């Protein structure tokens, strides 16, 4: 009996510890699974309300709110102050631009854009349209000119502001354009287009002329010129763009560097 009690005394704490560890691991796995379900809720690219996230993740609102707060703290999710809607954060975007599918694109564009940045003494951007967002893949700058820092690598800009975001939106399917126009349009400056009908007309014009020249709509005094790179079927692959002081880029309202930028876009396309 003494031996049995001794054995029981040794085994039971270990058994409880094993059960506790198993439960802890199970709880951790469950929390990760729920967090992943929340992240998958944003696959359509839209900013979502708490209720929409909870419904898409099949979770109650309390659990969803707690997990969203954790994801916000880790910058996997962000919350828009005005609308209180949630969307993917900077960490997710930074991981997205590191994906292997973009390596060929970045490799093809880098030497061309570095050369152009040195030639023009301006900031060059390579960007893509992913999950309803305009994402900066690369930014190149020549040390002799002023560096434009409004768009960080992995960062996004509102689709109604800037050269590349509006250009890439113009090349999306009609239902995607209407989805964007149905949402609130953010004003970064008084020059930003916030009227859906006006933006719809502008997008039509941008696609027809195959470039976008944006002045003062991201930052006053700065301009951006963007052109598309299309595949053989005419589908948008990416955009390359220039950012700089408006007087450096505009002559009587026309973009000075348009021909040079189009030549660079064709060179990148040939390298893909």
C-alpha atoms as a PDB file:
ATOM      1  CA  UNK A   1       0.000   0.000   0.000  1.00  0.00           C
ATOM      2  CA  UNK A   2       2.806   2.382   0.865  1.00  0.00           C
ATOM      3  CA  UNK A   3       4.425   1.694  -2.445  1.00  0.00           C
ATOM      4  CA  UNK A   4       1.177   2.262  -4.266  1.00  0.00           C
ATOM      5  CA  UNK A   5       0.559   5.567  -2.497  1.00  0.00           C
ATOM      6  CA  UNK A   6       4.095   6.670  -3.296  1.00  0.00           C
ATOM      7  CA  UNK A   7       3.641   5.796  -6.942  1.00  0.00           C
ATOM      8  CA  UNK A   8       0.303   7.532  -7.056  1.00  0.00           C
ATOM      9  CA  UNK A   9       1.852  10.599  -5.441  1.00  0.00           C
ATOM     10  CA  UNK A  10       4.506  10.697  -8.127  1.00  0.00           C
ATOM     11  CA  UNK A  11       2.270   9.996 -11.090  1.00  0.00           C
ATOM     12  CA  UNK A  12      -0.703  12.250 -10.381  1.00  0.00           C
ATOM     13  CA  UNK A  13       1.156  15.608 -10.400  1.00  0.00           C
ATOM     14  CA  UNK A  14       2.848  14.649 -13.664  1.00  0.00           C
ATOM     15  CA  UNK A  15      -0.462  13.602 -15.118  1.00  0.00           C
ATOM     16  CA  UNK A  16      -2.027  16.906 -14.090  1.00  0.00           C
ATOM     17  CA  UNK A  17       0.932  18.760 -15.593  1.00  0.00           C
ATOM     18  CA  UNK A  18       0.559  16.888 -18.864  1.00  0.00           C
ATOM     19  CA  UNK A  19      -3.155  17.599 -18.969  1.00  0.00           C
ATOM     20  CA  UNK A  20      -2.482  21.252 -18.205  1.00  0.00           C
ATOM     21  CA  UNK A  21       0.149  21.500 -20.947  1.00  0.00           C
ATOM     22  CA  UNK A  22      -2.178  19.814 -23.404  1.00  0.00           C
ATOM     23  CA  UNK A  23      -4.993  22.212 -22.555  1.00  0.00           C
ATOM     24  CA  UNK A  24      -2.625  25.175 -22.839  1.00  0.00           C
ATOM     25  CA  UNK A  25      -1.451  24.024 -26.259  1.00  0.00           C
ATOM     26  CA  UNK A  26      -5.033  23.400 -27.311  1.00  0.00           C
ATOM     27  CA  UNK A  27      -6.045  26.891 -26.190  1.00  0.00           C
ATOM     28  CA  UNK A  28      -3.092  28.426 -28.028  1.00  0.00           C
ATOM     29  CA  UNK A  29      -3.916  26.576 -31.235  1.00  0.00           C
ATOM     30  CA  UNK A  30      -7.568  27.654 -30.930  1.00  0.00           C
ATOM     31  CA  UNK A  31      -6.543  31.304 -30.493  1.00  0.00           C
ATOM     32  CA  UNK A  32      -4.256  31.130 -33.534  1.00  0.00           C
ATOM     33  CA  UNK A  33      -6.997  29.493 -35.607  1.00  0.00           C
ATOM     34  CA  UNK A  34      -9.432  32.215 -34.630  1.00  0.00           C
ATOM     35  CA  UNK A  35      -6.917  34.959 -35.429  1.00  0.00           C
ATOM     36  CA  UNK A  36      -6.301  33.415 -38.844  1.00  0.00           C
ATOM     37  CA  UNK A  37     -10.051  33.250 -39.465  1.00  0.00           C
ATOM     38  CA  UNK A  38     -10.241  36.973 -38.708  1.00  0.00           C
ATOM     39  CA  UNK A  39      -7.381  37.757 -41.113  1.00  0.00           C
ATOM     40  CA  UNK A  40      -9.067  35.697 -43.843  1.00  0.00           C
ATOM     41  CA  UNK A  41     -12.163  37.844 -43.422  1.00  0.00           C
ATOM     42  CA  UNK A  42     -10.292  40.645 -45.205  1.00  0.00           C
ATOM     43  CA  UNK A  43      -9.556  38.638 -48.374  1.00  0.00           C
ATOM     44  CA  UNK A  44     -11.917  40.793 -50.420  1.00  0.00           C
ATOM     45  CA  UNK A  45      -9.869  43.888 -49.591  1.00  0.00           C
ATOM     46  CA  UNK A  46     -12.738  45.826 -47.992  1.00  0.00           C
ATOM     47  CA  UNK A  47     -12.631  47.635 -44.684  1.00  0.00           C
ATOM     48  CA  UNK A  48     -15.068  45.784 -42.409  1.00  0.00           C
ATOM     49  CA  UNK A  49     -17.207  46.567 -39.393  1.00  0.00           C
ATOM     50  CA  UNK A  50     -16.875  44.528 -36.201  1.00  0.00           C
ATOM     51  CA  UNK A  51     -20.062  42.654 -37.055  1.00  0.00           C
ATOM     52  CA  UNK A  52     -18.847  41.834 -40.570  1.00  0.00           C
ATOM     53  CA  UNK A  53     -15.534  40.500 -39.256  1.00  0.00           C
ATOM     54  CA  UNK A  54     -17.297  38.409 -36.602  1.00  0.00           C
ATOM     55  CA  UNK A  55     -19.722  36.986 -39.157  1.00  0.00           C
ATOM     56  CA  UNK A  56     -16.995  36.144 -41.686  1.00  0.00           C
ATOM     57  CA  UNK A  57     -14.834  34.502 -38.992  1.00  0.00           C
ATOM     58  CA  UNK A  58     -17.837  32.708 -37.443  1.00  0.00           C
ATOM     59  CA  UNK A  59     -17.066  34.155 -33.996  1.00  0.00           C
ATOM     60  CA  UNK A  60     -19.036  36.134 -31.448  1.00  0.00           C
ATOM     61  CA  UNK A  61     -18.404  39.876 -31.274  1.00  0.00           C
ATOM     62  CA  UNK A  62     -16.710  39.773 -27.871  1.00  0.00           C
ATOM     63  CA  UNK A  63     -14.103  37.241 -28.975  1.00  0.00           C
ATOM     64  CA  UNK A  64     -13.653  39.062 -32.278  1.00  0.00           C
ATOM     65  CA  UNK A  65     -13.095  42.399 -30.551  1.00  0.00           C
ATOM     66  CA  UNK A  66     -10.471  40.959 -28.194  1.00  0.00           C
ATOM     67  CA  UNK A  67      -8.563  39.299 -31.023  1.00  0.00           C
ATOM     68  CA  UNK A  68      -8.774  42.423 -33.187  1.00  0.00           C
ATOM     69  CA  UNK A  69      -7.233  44.490 -30.382  1.00  0.00           C
ATOM     70  CA  UNK A  70      -4.333  42.035 -30.213  1.00  0.00           C
ATOM     71  CA  UNK A  71      -3.898  42.087 -33.989  1.00  0.00           C
ATOM     72  CA  UNK A  72      -4.010  45.901 -34.005  1.00  0.00           C
ATOM     73  CA  UNK A  73      -1.321  46.036 -31.331  1.00  0.00           C
ATOM     74  CA  UNK A  74       0.854  43.788 -33.503  1.00  0.00           C
ATOM     75  CA  UNK A  75       0.023  45.911 -36.602  1.00  0.00           C
ATOM     76  CA  UNK A  76      -1.553  42.974 -38.437  1.00  0.00           C
ATOM     77  CA  UNK A  77      -4.831  44.929 -38.494  1.00  0.00           C
ATOM     78  CA  UNK A  78      -5.602  48.639 -38.440  1.00  0.00           C
ATOM     79  CA  UNK A  79      -8.768  50.540 -37.535  1.00  0.00           C
ATOM     80  CA  UNK A  80      -9.874  53.658 -39.400  1.00  0.00           C
ATOM     81  CA  UNK A  81     -10.560  56.447 -36.878  1.00  0.00           C
ATOM     82  CA  UNK A  82     -13.413  58.037 -38.847  1.00  0.00           C
ATOM     83  CA  UNK A  83     -15.417  54.969 -39.832  1.00  0.00           C
ATOM     84  CA  UNK A  84     -14.241  52.599 -37.064  1.00  0.00           C
ATOM     85  CA  UNK A  85     -13.858  49.932 -39.757  1.00  0.00           C
ATOM     86  CA  UNK A  86     -11.024  47.418 -39.729  1.00  0.00           C
ATOM     87  CA  UNK A  87      -8.585  46.525 -42.506  1.00  0.00           C
ATOM     88  CA  UNK A  88      -5.259  44.733 -42.936  1.00  0.00           C
ATOM     89  CA  UNK A  89      -2.312  46.474 -41.293  1.00  0.00           C
ATOM     90  CA  UNK A  90       1.230  47.380 -42.272  1.00  0.00           C
ATOM     91  CA  UNK A  91       2.822  44.084 -41.187  1.00  0.00           C
ATOM     92  CA  UNK A  92       0.576  42.067 -43.492  1.00  0.00           C
ATOM     93  CA  UNK A  93       1.321  44.432 -46.383  1.00  0.00           C
ATOM     94  CA  UNK A  94       5.065  44.217 -45.712  1.00  0.00           C
ATOM     95  CA  UNK A  95       4.861  40.423 -45.765  1.00  0.00           C
ATOM     96  CA  UNK A  96       2.812  40.550 -48.966  1.00  0.00           C
ATOM     97  CA  UNK A  97       5.450  42.504 -50.867  1.00  0.00           C
ATOM     98  CA  UNK A  98       8.041  39.909 -49.814  1.00  0.00           C
ATOM     99  CA  UNK A  99       6.102  37.104 -51.477  1.00  0.00           C
ATOM    100  CA  UNK A 100       8.027  35.128 -54.155  1.00  0.00           C
ATOM    101  CA  UNK A 101       5.455  36.012 -56.824  1.00  0.00           C
ATOM    102  CA  UNK A 102       6.726  39.615 -56.771  1.00  0.00           C
ATOM    103  CA  UNK A 103      10.445  38.814 -56.893  1.00  0.00           C
ATOM    104  CA  UNK A 104      10.599  38.608 -60.698  1.00  0.00           C
ATOM    105  CA  UNK A 105       8.687  41.861 -61.015  1.00  0.00           C
ATOM    106  CA  UNK A 106      10.939  43.670 -58.575  1.00  0.00           C
ATOM    107  CA  UNK A 107      14.046  42.232 -60.192  1.00  0.00           C
ATOM    108  CA  UNK A 108      12.903  43.364 -63.635  1.00  0.00           C
ATOM    109  CA  UNK A 109      11.998  46.865 -62.505  1.00  0.00           C
ATOM    110  CA  UNK A 110      14.867  47.674 -60.147  1.00  0.00           C
ATOM    111  CA  UNK A 111      17.676  48.465 -62.650  1.00  0.00           C
ATOM    112  CA  UNK A 112      15.324  50.465 -64.852  1.00  0.00           C
ATOM    113  CA  UNK A 113      13.942  52.563 -62.011  1.00  0.00           C
ATOM    114  CA  UNK A 114      17.361  53.091 -60.423  1.00  0.00           C
ATOM    115  CA  UNK A 115      18.635  54.437 -63.743  1.00  0.00           C
ATOM    116  CA  UNK A 116      15.613  56.696 -64.128  1.00  0.00           C
ATOM    117  CA  UNK A 117      15.903  58.007 -60.560  1.00  0.00           C
ATOM    118  CA  UNK A 118      19.557  58.914 -61.170  1.00  0.00           C
ATOM    119  CA  UNK A 119      18.724  60.517 -64.504  1.00  0.00           C
ATOM    120  CA  UNK A 120      15.798  62.621 -63.303  1.00  0.00           C
ATOM    121  CA  UNK A 121      16.900  63.157 -59.668  1.00  0.00           C
ATOM    122  CA  UNK A 122      13.434  62.144 -58.507  1.00  0.00           C
ATOM    123  CA  UNK A 123      11.762  59.380 -56.516  1.00  0.00           C
ATOM    124  CA  UNK A 124      10.531  56.333 -58.432  1.00  0.00           C
ATOM    125  CA  UNK A 125       7.840  53.905 -57.260  1.00  0.00           C
ATOM    126  CA  UNK A 126       6.860  50.375 -58.268  1.00  0.00           C
ATOM    127  CA  UNK A 127       3.350  49.448 -57.155  1.00  0.00           C
ATOM    128  CA  UNK A 128       0.706  46.740 -57.537  1.00  0.00           C
ATOM    129  CA  UNK A 129      -3.038  46.415 -56.958  1.00  0.00           C
ATOM    130  CA  UNK A 130      -3.741  43.627 -54.469  1.00  0.00           C
ATOM    131  CA  UNK A 131      -6.907  42.770 -52.558  1.00  0.00           C
ATOM    132  CA  UNK A 132      -8.486  46.137 -53.234  1.00  0.00           C
ATOM    133  CA  UNK A 133      -5.403  48.133 -52.243  1.00  0.00           C
ATOM    134  CA  UNK A 134      -2.620  50.032 -53.981  1.00  0.00           C
ATOM    135  CA  UNK A 135       0.614  48.682 -52.470  1.00  0.00           C
ATOM    136  CA  UNK A 136       4.115  50.088 -52.909  1.00  0.00           C
ATOM    137  CA  UNK A 137       6.541  47.283 -53.780  1.00  0.00           C
ATOM    138  CA  UNK A 138       9.704  49.362 -54.199  1.00  0.00           C
ATOM    139  CA  UNK A 139      10.863  52.962 -53.925  1.00  0.00           C
ATOM    140  CA  UNK A 140      14.078  54.318 -55.447  1.00  0.00           C
ATOM    141  CA  UNK A 141      15.642  57.726 -54.959  1.00  0.00           C
ATOM    142  CA  UNK A 142      18.670  59.598 -56.247  1.00  0.00           C
ATOM    143  CA  UNK A 143      20.610  61.399 -53.525  1.00  0.00           C
ATOM    144  CA  UNK A 144      20.868  64.615 -55.538  1.00  0.00           C
ATOM    145  CA  UNK A 145      17.141  65.337 -55.560  1.00  0.00           C
ATOM    146  CA  UNK A 146      14.402  65.712 -52.979  1.00  0.00           C
ATOM    147  CA  UNK A 147      13.118  62.370 -51.718  1.00  0.00           C
ATOM    148  CA  UNK A 148       9.358  61.904 -51.747  1.00  0.00           C
ATOM    149  CA  UNK A 149       8.421  59.851 -48.694  1.00  0.00           C
ATOM    150  CA  UNK A 150       4.637  59.820 -48.892  1.00  0.00           C
ATOM    151  CA  UNK A 151       4.508  56.117 -49.818  1.00  0.00           C
ATOM    152  CA  UNK A 152       6.536  53.619 -47.799  1.00  0.00           C
ATOM    153  CA  UNK A 153       7.459  50.194 -49.177  1.00  0.00           C
ATOM    154  CA  UNK A 154       4.655  47.848 -48.146  1.00  0.00           C
ATOM    155  CA  UNK A 155       2.366  50.812 -47.490  1.00  0.00           C
ATOM    156  CA  UNK A 156      -0.857  51.832 -49.172  1.00  0.00           C
ATOM    157  CA  UNK A 157      -2.483  55.055 -50.334  1.00  0.00           C
ATOM    158  CA  UNK A 158      -6.195  55.807 -50.731  1.00  0.00           C
ATOM    159  CA  UNK A 159      -7.309  54.766 -54.203  1.00  0.00           C
ATOM    160  CA  UNK A 160      -8.674  58.258 -54.925  1.00  0.00           C
ATOM    161  CA  UNK A 161      -5.336  59.952 -54.219  1.00  0.00           C
ATOM    162  CA  UNK A 162      -2.002  59.964 -56.025  1.00  0.00           C
ATOM    163  CA  UNK A 163      -0.960  58.913 -59.509  1.00  0.00           C
ATOM    164  CA  UNK A 164      -0.443  55.156 -59.209  1.00  0.00           C
ATOM    165  CA  UNK A 165      -3.483  54.391 -57.008  1.00  0.00           C
ATOM    166  CA  UNK A 166      -5.920  56.120 -59.381  1.00  0.00           C
ATOM    167  CA  UNK A 167      -4.196  54.649 -62.425  1.00  0.00           C
ATOM    168  CA  UNK A 168      -4.363  51.089 -61.102  1.00  0.00           C
ATOM    169  CA  UNK A 169      -7.982  51.522 -60.035  1.00  0.00           C
ATOM    170  CA  UNK A 170      -8.825  52.696 -63.558  1.00  0.00           C
ATOM    171  CA  UNK A 171      -7.640  49.332 -64.925  1.00  0.00           C
ATOM    172  CA  UNK A 172      -9.818  47.237 -62.582  1.00  0.00           C
ATOM    173  CA  UNK A 173     -13.079  45.523 -63.515  1.00  0.00           C
ATOM    174  CA  UNK A 174     -16.185  47.681 -63.369  1.00  0.00           C
ATOM    175  CA  UNK A 175     -17.591  45.916 -60.307  1.00  0.00           C
ATOM    176  CA  UNK A 176     -14.339  46.522 -58.400  1.00  0.00           C
ATOM    177  CA  UNK A 177     -14.379  50.203 -59.354  1.00  0.00           C
ATOM    178  CA  UNK A 178     -17.986  50.536 -58.206  1.00  0.00           C
ATOM    179  CA  UNK A 179     -17.145  48.789 -54.925  1.00  0.00           C
ATOM    180  CA  UNK A 180     -14.443  51.373 -54.242  1.00  0.00           C
ATOM    181  CA  UNK A 181     -16.672  54.281 -55.271  1.00  0.00           C
ATOM    182  CA  UNK A 182     -19.414  53.079 -52.932  1.00  0.00           C
ATOM    183  CA  UNK A 183     -17.139  53.493 -49.916  1.00  0.00           C
ATOM    184  CA  UNK A 184     -16.182  56.828 -48.288  1.00  0.00           C
ATOM    185  CA  UNK A 185     -13.427  58.592 -50.258  1.00  0.00           C
ATOM    186  CA  UNK A 186     -10.680  60.010 -48.038  1.00  0.00           C
ATOM    187  CA  UNK A 187      -9.355  63.540 -48.566  1.00  0.00           C
ATOM    188  CA  UNK A 188      -5.610  63.834 -47.935  1.00  0.00           C
ATOM    189  CA  UNK A 189      -5.633  67.451 -49.167  1.00  0.00           C
ATOM    190  CA  UNK A 190      -8.315  69.871 -50.405  1.00  0.00           C
ATOM    191  CA  UNK A 191      -7.374  68.727 -53.940  1.00  0.00           C
ATOM    192  CA  UNK A 192      -8.264  65.070 -53.313  1.00  0.00           C
ATOM    193  CA  UNK A 193     -11.291  63.840 -55.278  1.00  0.00           C
ATOM    194  CA  UNK A 194     -14.028  62.799 -52.845  1.00  0.00           C
ATOM    195  CA  UNK A 195     -17.020  62.855 -55.208  1.00  0.00           C
ATOM    196  CA  UNK A 196     -17.704  59.390 -56.642  1.00  0.00           C
ATOM    197  CA  UNK A 197     -19.112  60.686 -59.941  1.00  0.00           C
ATOM    198  CA  UNK A 198     -16.139  62.976 -60.492  1.00  0.00           C
ATOM    199  CA  UNK A 199     -13.721  60.167 -59.722  1.00  0.00           C
ATOM    200  CA  UNK A 200     -15.573  57.784 -62.047  1.00  0.00           C
ATOM    201  CA  UNK A 201     -15.156  60.269 -64.918  1.00  0.00           C
ATOM    202  CA  UNK A 202     -11.500  60.780 -64.050  1.00  0.00           C
ATOM    203  CA  UNK A 203     -10.844  57.038 -64.062  1.00  0.00           C
ATOM    204  CA  UNK A 204     -12.363  56.737 -67.540  1.00  0.00           C
ATOM    205  CA  UNK A 205     -10.075  59.502 -68.777  1.00  0.00           C
ATOM    206  CA  UNK A 206      -7.023  57.974 -67.096  1.00  0.00           C
ATOM    207  CA  UNK A 207      -7.532  54.609 -68.768  1.00  0.00           C
ATOM    208  CA  UNK A 208      -8.138  56.222 -72.150  1.00  0.00           C
ATOM    209  CA  UNK A 209      -4.917  58.262 -72.016  1.00  0.00           C
ATOM    210  CA  UNK A 210      -2.964  55.447 -70.281  1.00  0.00           C
ATOM    211  CA  UNK A 211      -1.386  57.641 -67.626  1.00  0.00           C
ATOM    212  CA  UNK A 212      -2.333  59.557 -64.503  1.00  0.00           C
ATOM    213  CA  UNK A 213      -0.878  62.943 -63.583  1.00  0.00           C
ATOM    214  CA  UNK A 214      -1.880  63.842 -60.038  1.00  0.00           C
ATOM    215  CA  UNK A 215      -1.118  67.264 -58.565  1.00  0.00           C
ATOM    216  CA  UNK A 216      -1.490  68.276 -54.897  1.00  0.00           C
ATOM    217  CA  UNK A 217      -3.897  65.467 -53.973  1.00  0.00           C
ATOM    218  CA  UNK A 218      -1.540  63.609 -51.610  1.00  0.00           C
ATOM    219  CA  UNK A 219       0.589  66.544 -50.437  1.00  0.00           C
ATOM    220  CA  UNK A 220       0.358  70.184 -51.502  1.00  0.00           C
ATOM    221  CA  UNK A 221       3.222  71.209 -53.751  1.00  0.00           C
ATOM    222  CA  UNK A 222       3.972  67.671 -54.894  1.00  0.00           C
ATOM    223  CA  UNK A 223       2.928  65.815 -58.023  1.00  0.00           C
ATOM    224  CA  UNK A 224       3.014  62.218 -59.249  1.00  0.00           C
ATOM    225  CA  UNK A 225       3.012  60.731 -62.738  1.00  0.00           C
ATOM    226  CA  UNK A 226       2.089  57.061 -63.214  1.00  0.00           C
ATOM    227  CA  UNK A 227       1.907  54.731 -66.210  1.00  0.00           C
ATOM    228  CA  UNK A 228       0.736  51.105 -66.401  1.00  0.00           C
ATOM    229  CA  UNK A 229       2.612  47.954 -67.310  1.00  0.00           C
ATOM    230  CA  UNK A 230       0.207  45.509 -68.962  1.00  0.00           C
ATOM    231  CA  UNK A 231       0.525  41.863 -69.965  1.00  0.00           C
ATOM    232  CA  UNK A 232      -0.115  40.579 -73.482  1.00  0.00           C
ATOM    233  CA  UNK A 233      -3.858  40.425 -72.806  1.00  0.00           C
ATOM    234  CA  UNK A 234      -3.948  44.034 -71.676  1.00  0.00           C
ATOM    235  CA  UNK A 235      -4.359  43.153 -67.995  1.00  0.00           C
ATOM    236  CA  UNK A 236      -2.619  45.377 -65.459  1.00  0.00           C
ATOM    237  CA  UNK A 237       0.561  43.888 -63.984  1.00  0.00           C
ATOM    238  CA  UNK A 238       1.827  46.890 -62.057  1.00  0.00           C
ATOM    239  CA  UNK A 239       2.467  50.610 -62.258  1.00  0.00           C
ATOM    240  CA  UNK A 240       5.654  52.640 -62.233  1.00  0.00           C
ATOM    241  CA  UNK A 241       5.489  56.262 -61.170  1.00  0.00           C
ATOM    242  CA  UNK A 242       7.511  59.372 -60.395  1.00  0.00           C
ATOM    243  CA  UNK A 243       7.016  61.704 -57.446  1.00  0.00           C
ATOM    244  CA  UNK A 244       8.487  65.184 -57.098  1.00  0.00           C
ATOM    245  CA  UNK A 245       7.921  68.910 -56.749  1.00  0.00           C
ATOM    246  CA  UNK A 246       5.145  70.108 -59.042  1.00  0.00           C
ATOM    247  CA  UNK A 247       7.298  72.716 -60.853  1.00  0.00           C
ATOM    248  CA  UNK A 248       9.786  69.956 -61.741  1.00  0.00           C
ATOM    249  CA  UNK A 249       7.078  67.800 -63.274  1.00  0.00           C
ATOM    250  CA  UNK A 250       4.555  70.109 -64.885  1.00  0.00           C
ATOM    251  CA  UNK A 251       4.773  72.453 -67.870  1.00  0.00           C
ATOM    252  CA  UNK A 252       1.526  74.306 -68.548  1.00  0.00           C
ATOM    253  CA  UNK A 253      -0.342  71.505 -66.792  1.00  0.00           C
ATOM    254  CA  UNK A 254       1.250  68.719 -68.830  1.00  0.00           C
ATOM    255  CA  UNK A 255       3.609  66.056 -67.410  1.00  0.00           C
ATOM    256  CA  UNK A 256       7.174  66.732 -68.504  1.00  0.00           C
ATOM    257  CA  UNK A 257       8.509  63.194 -67.974  1.00  0.00           C
ATOM    258  CA  UNK A 258       5.694  61.247 -69.655  1.00  0.00           C
ATOM    259  CA  UNK A 259       7.623  59.978 -72.698  1.00  0.00           C
ATOM    260  CA  UNK A 260      10.608  58.957 -70.577  1.00  0.00           C
ATOM    261  CA  UNK A 261       8.401  57.137 -68.085  1.00  0.00           C
ATOM    262  CA  UNK A 262       6.553  55.295 -70.845  1.00  0.00           C
ATOM    263  CA  UNK A 263       9.874  54.171 -72.327  1.00  0.00           C
ATOM    264  CA  UNK A 264      10.919  52.879 -68.903  1.00  0.00           C
ATOM    265  CA  UNK A 265       7.617  50.993 -68.556  1.00  0.00           C
ATOM    266  CA  UNK A 266       8.171  49.295 -71.891  1.00  0.00           C
ATOM    267  CA  UNK A 267      11.707  48.346 -70.845  1.00  0.00           C
ATOM    268  CA  UNK A 268      10.381  46.757 -67.660  1.00  0.00           C
ATOM    269  CA  UNK A 269       7.683  44.933 -69.616  1.00  0.00           C
ATOM    270  CA  UNK A 270      10.302  43.498 -71.967  1.00  0.00           C
ATOM    271  CA  UNK A 271      12.319  42.255 -68.986  1.00  0.00           C
ATOM    272  CA  UNK A 272       9.384  40.357 -67.425  1.00  0.00           C
END
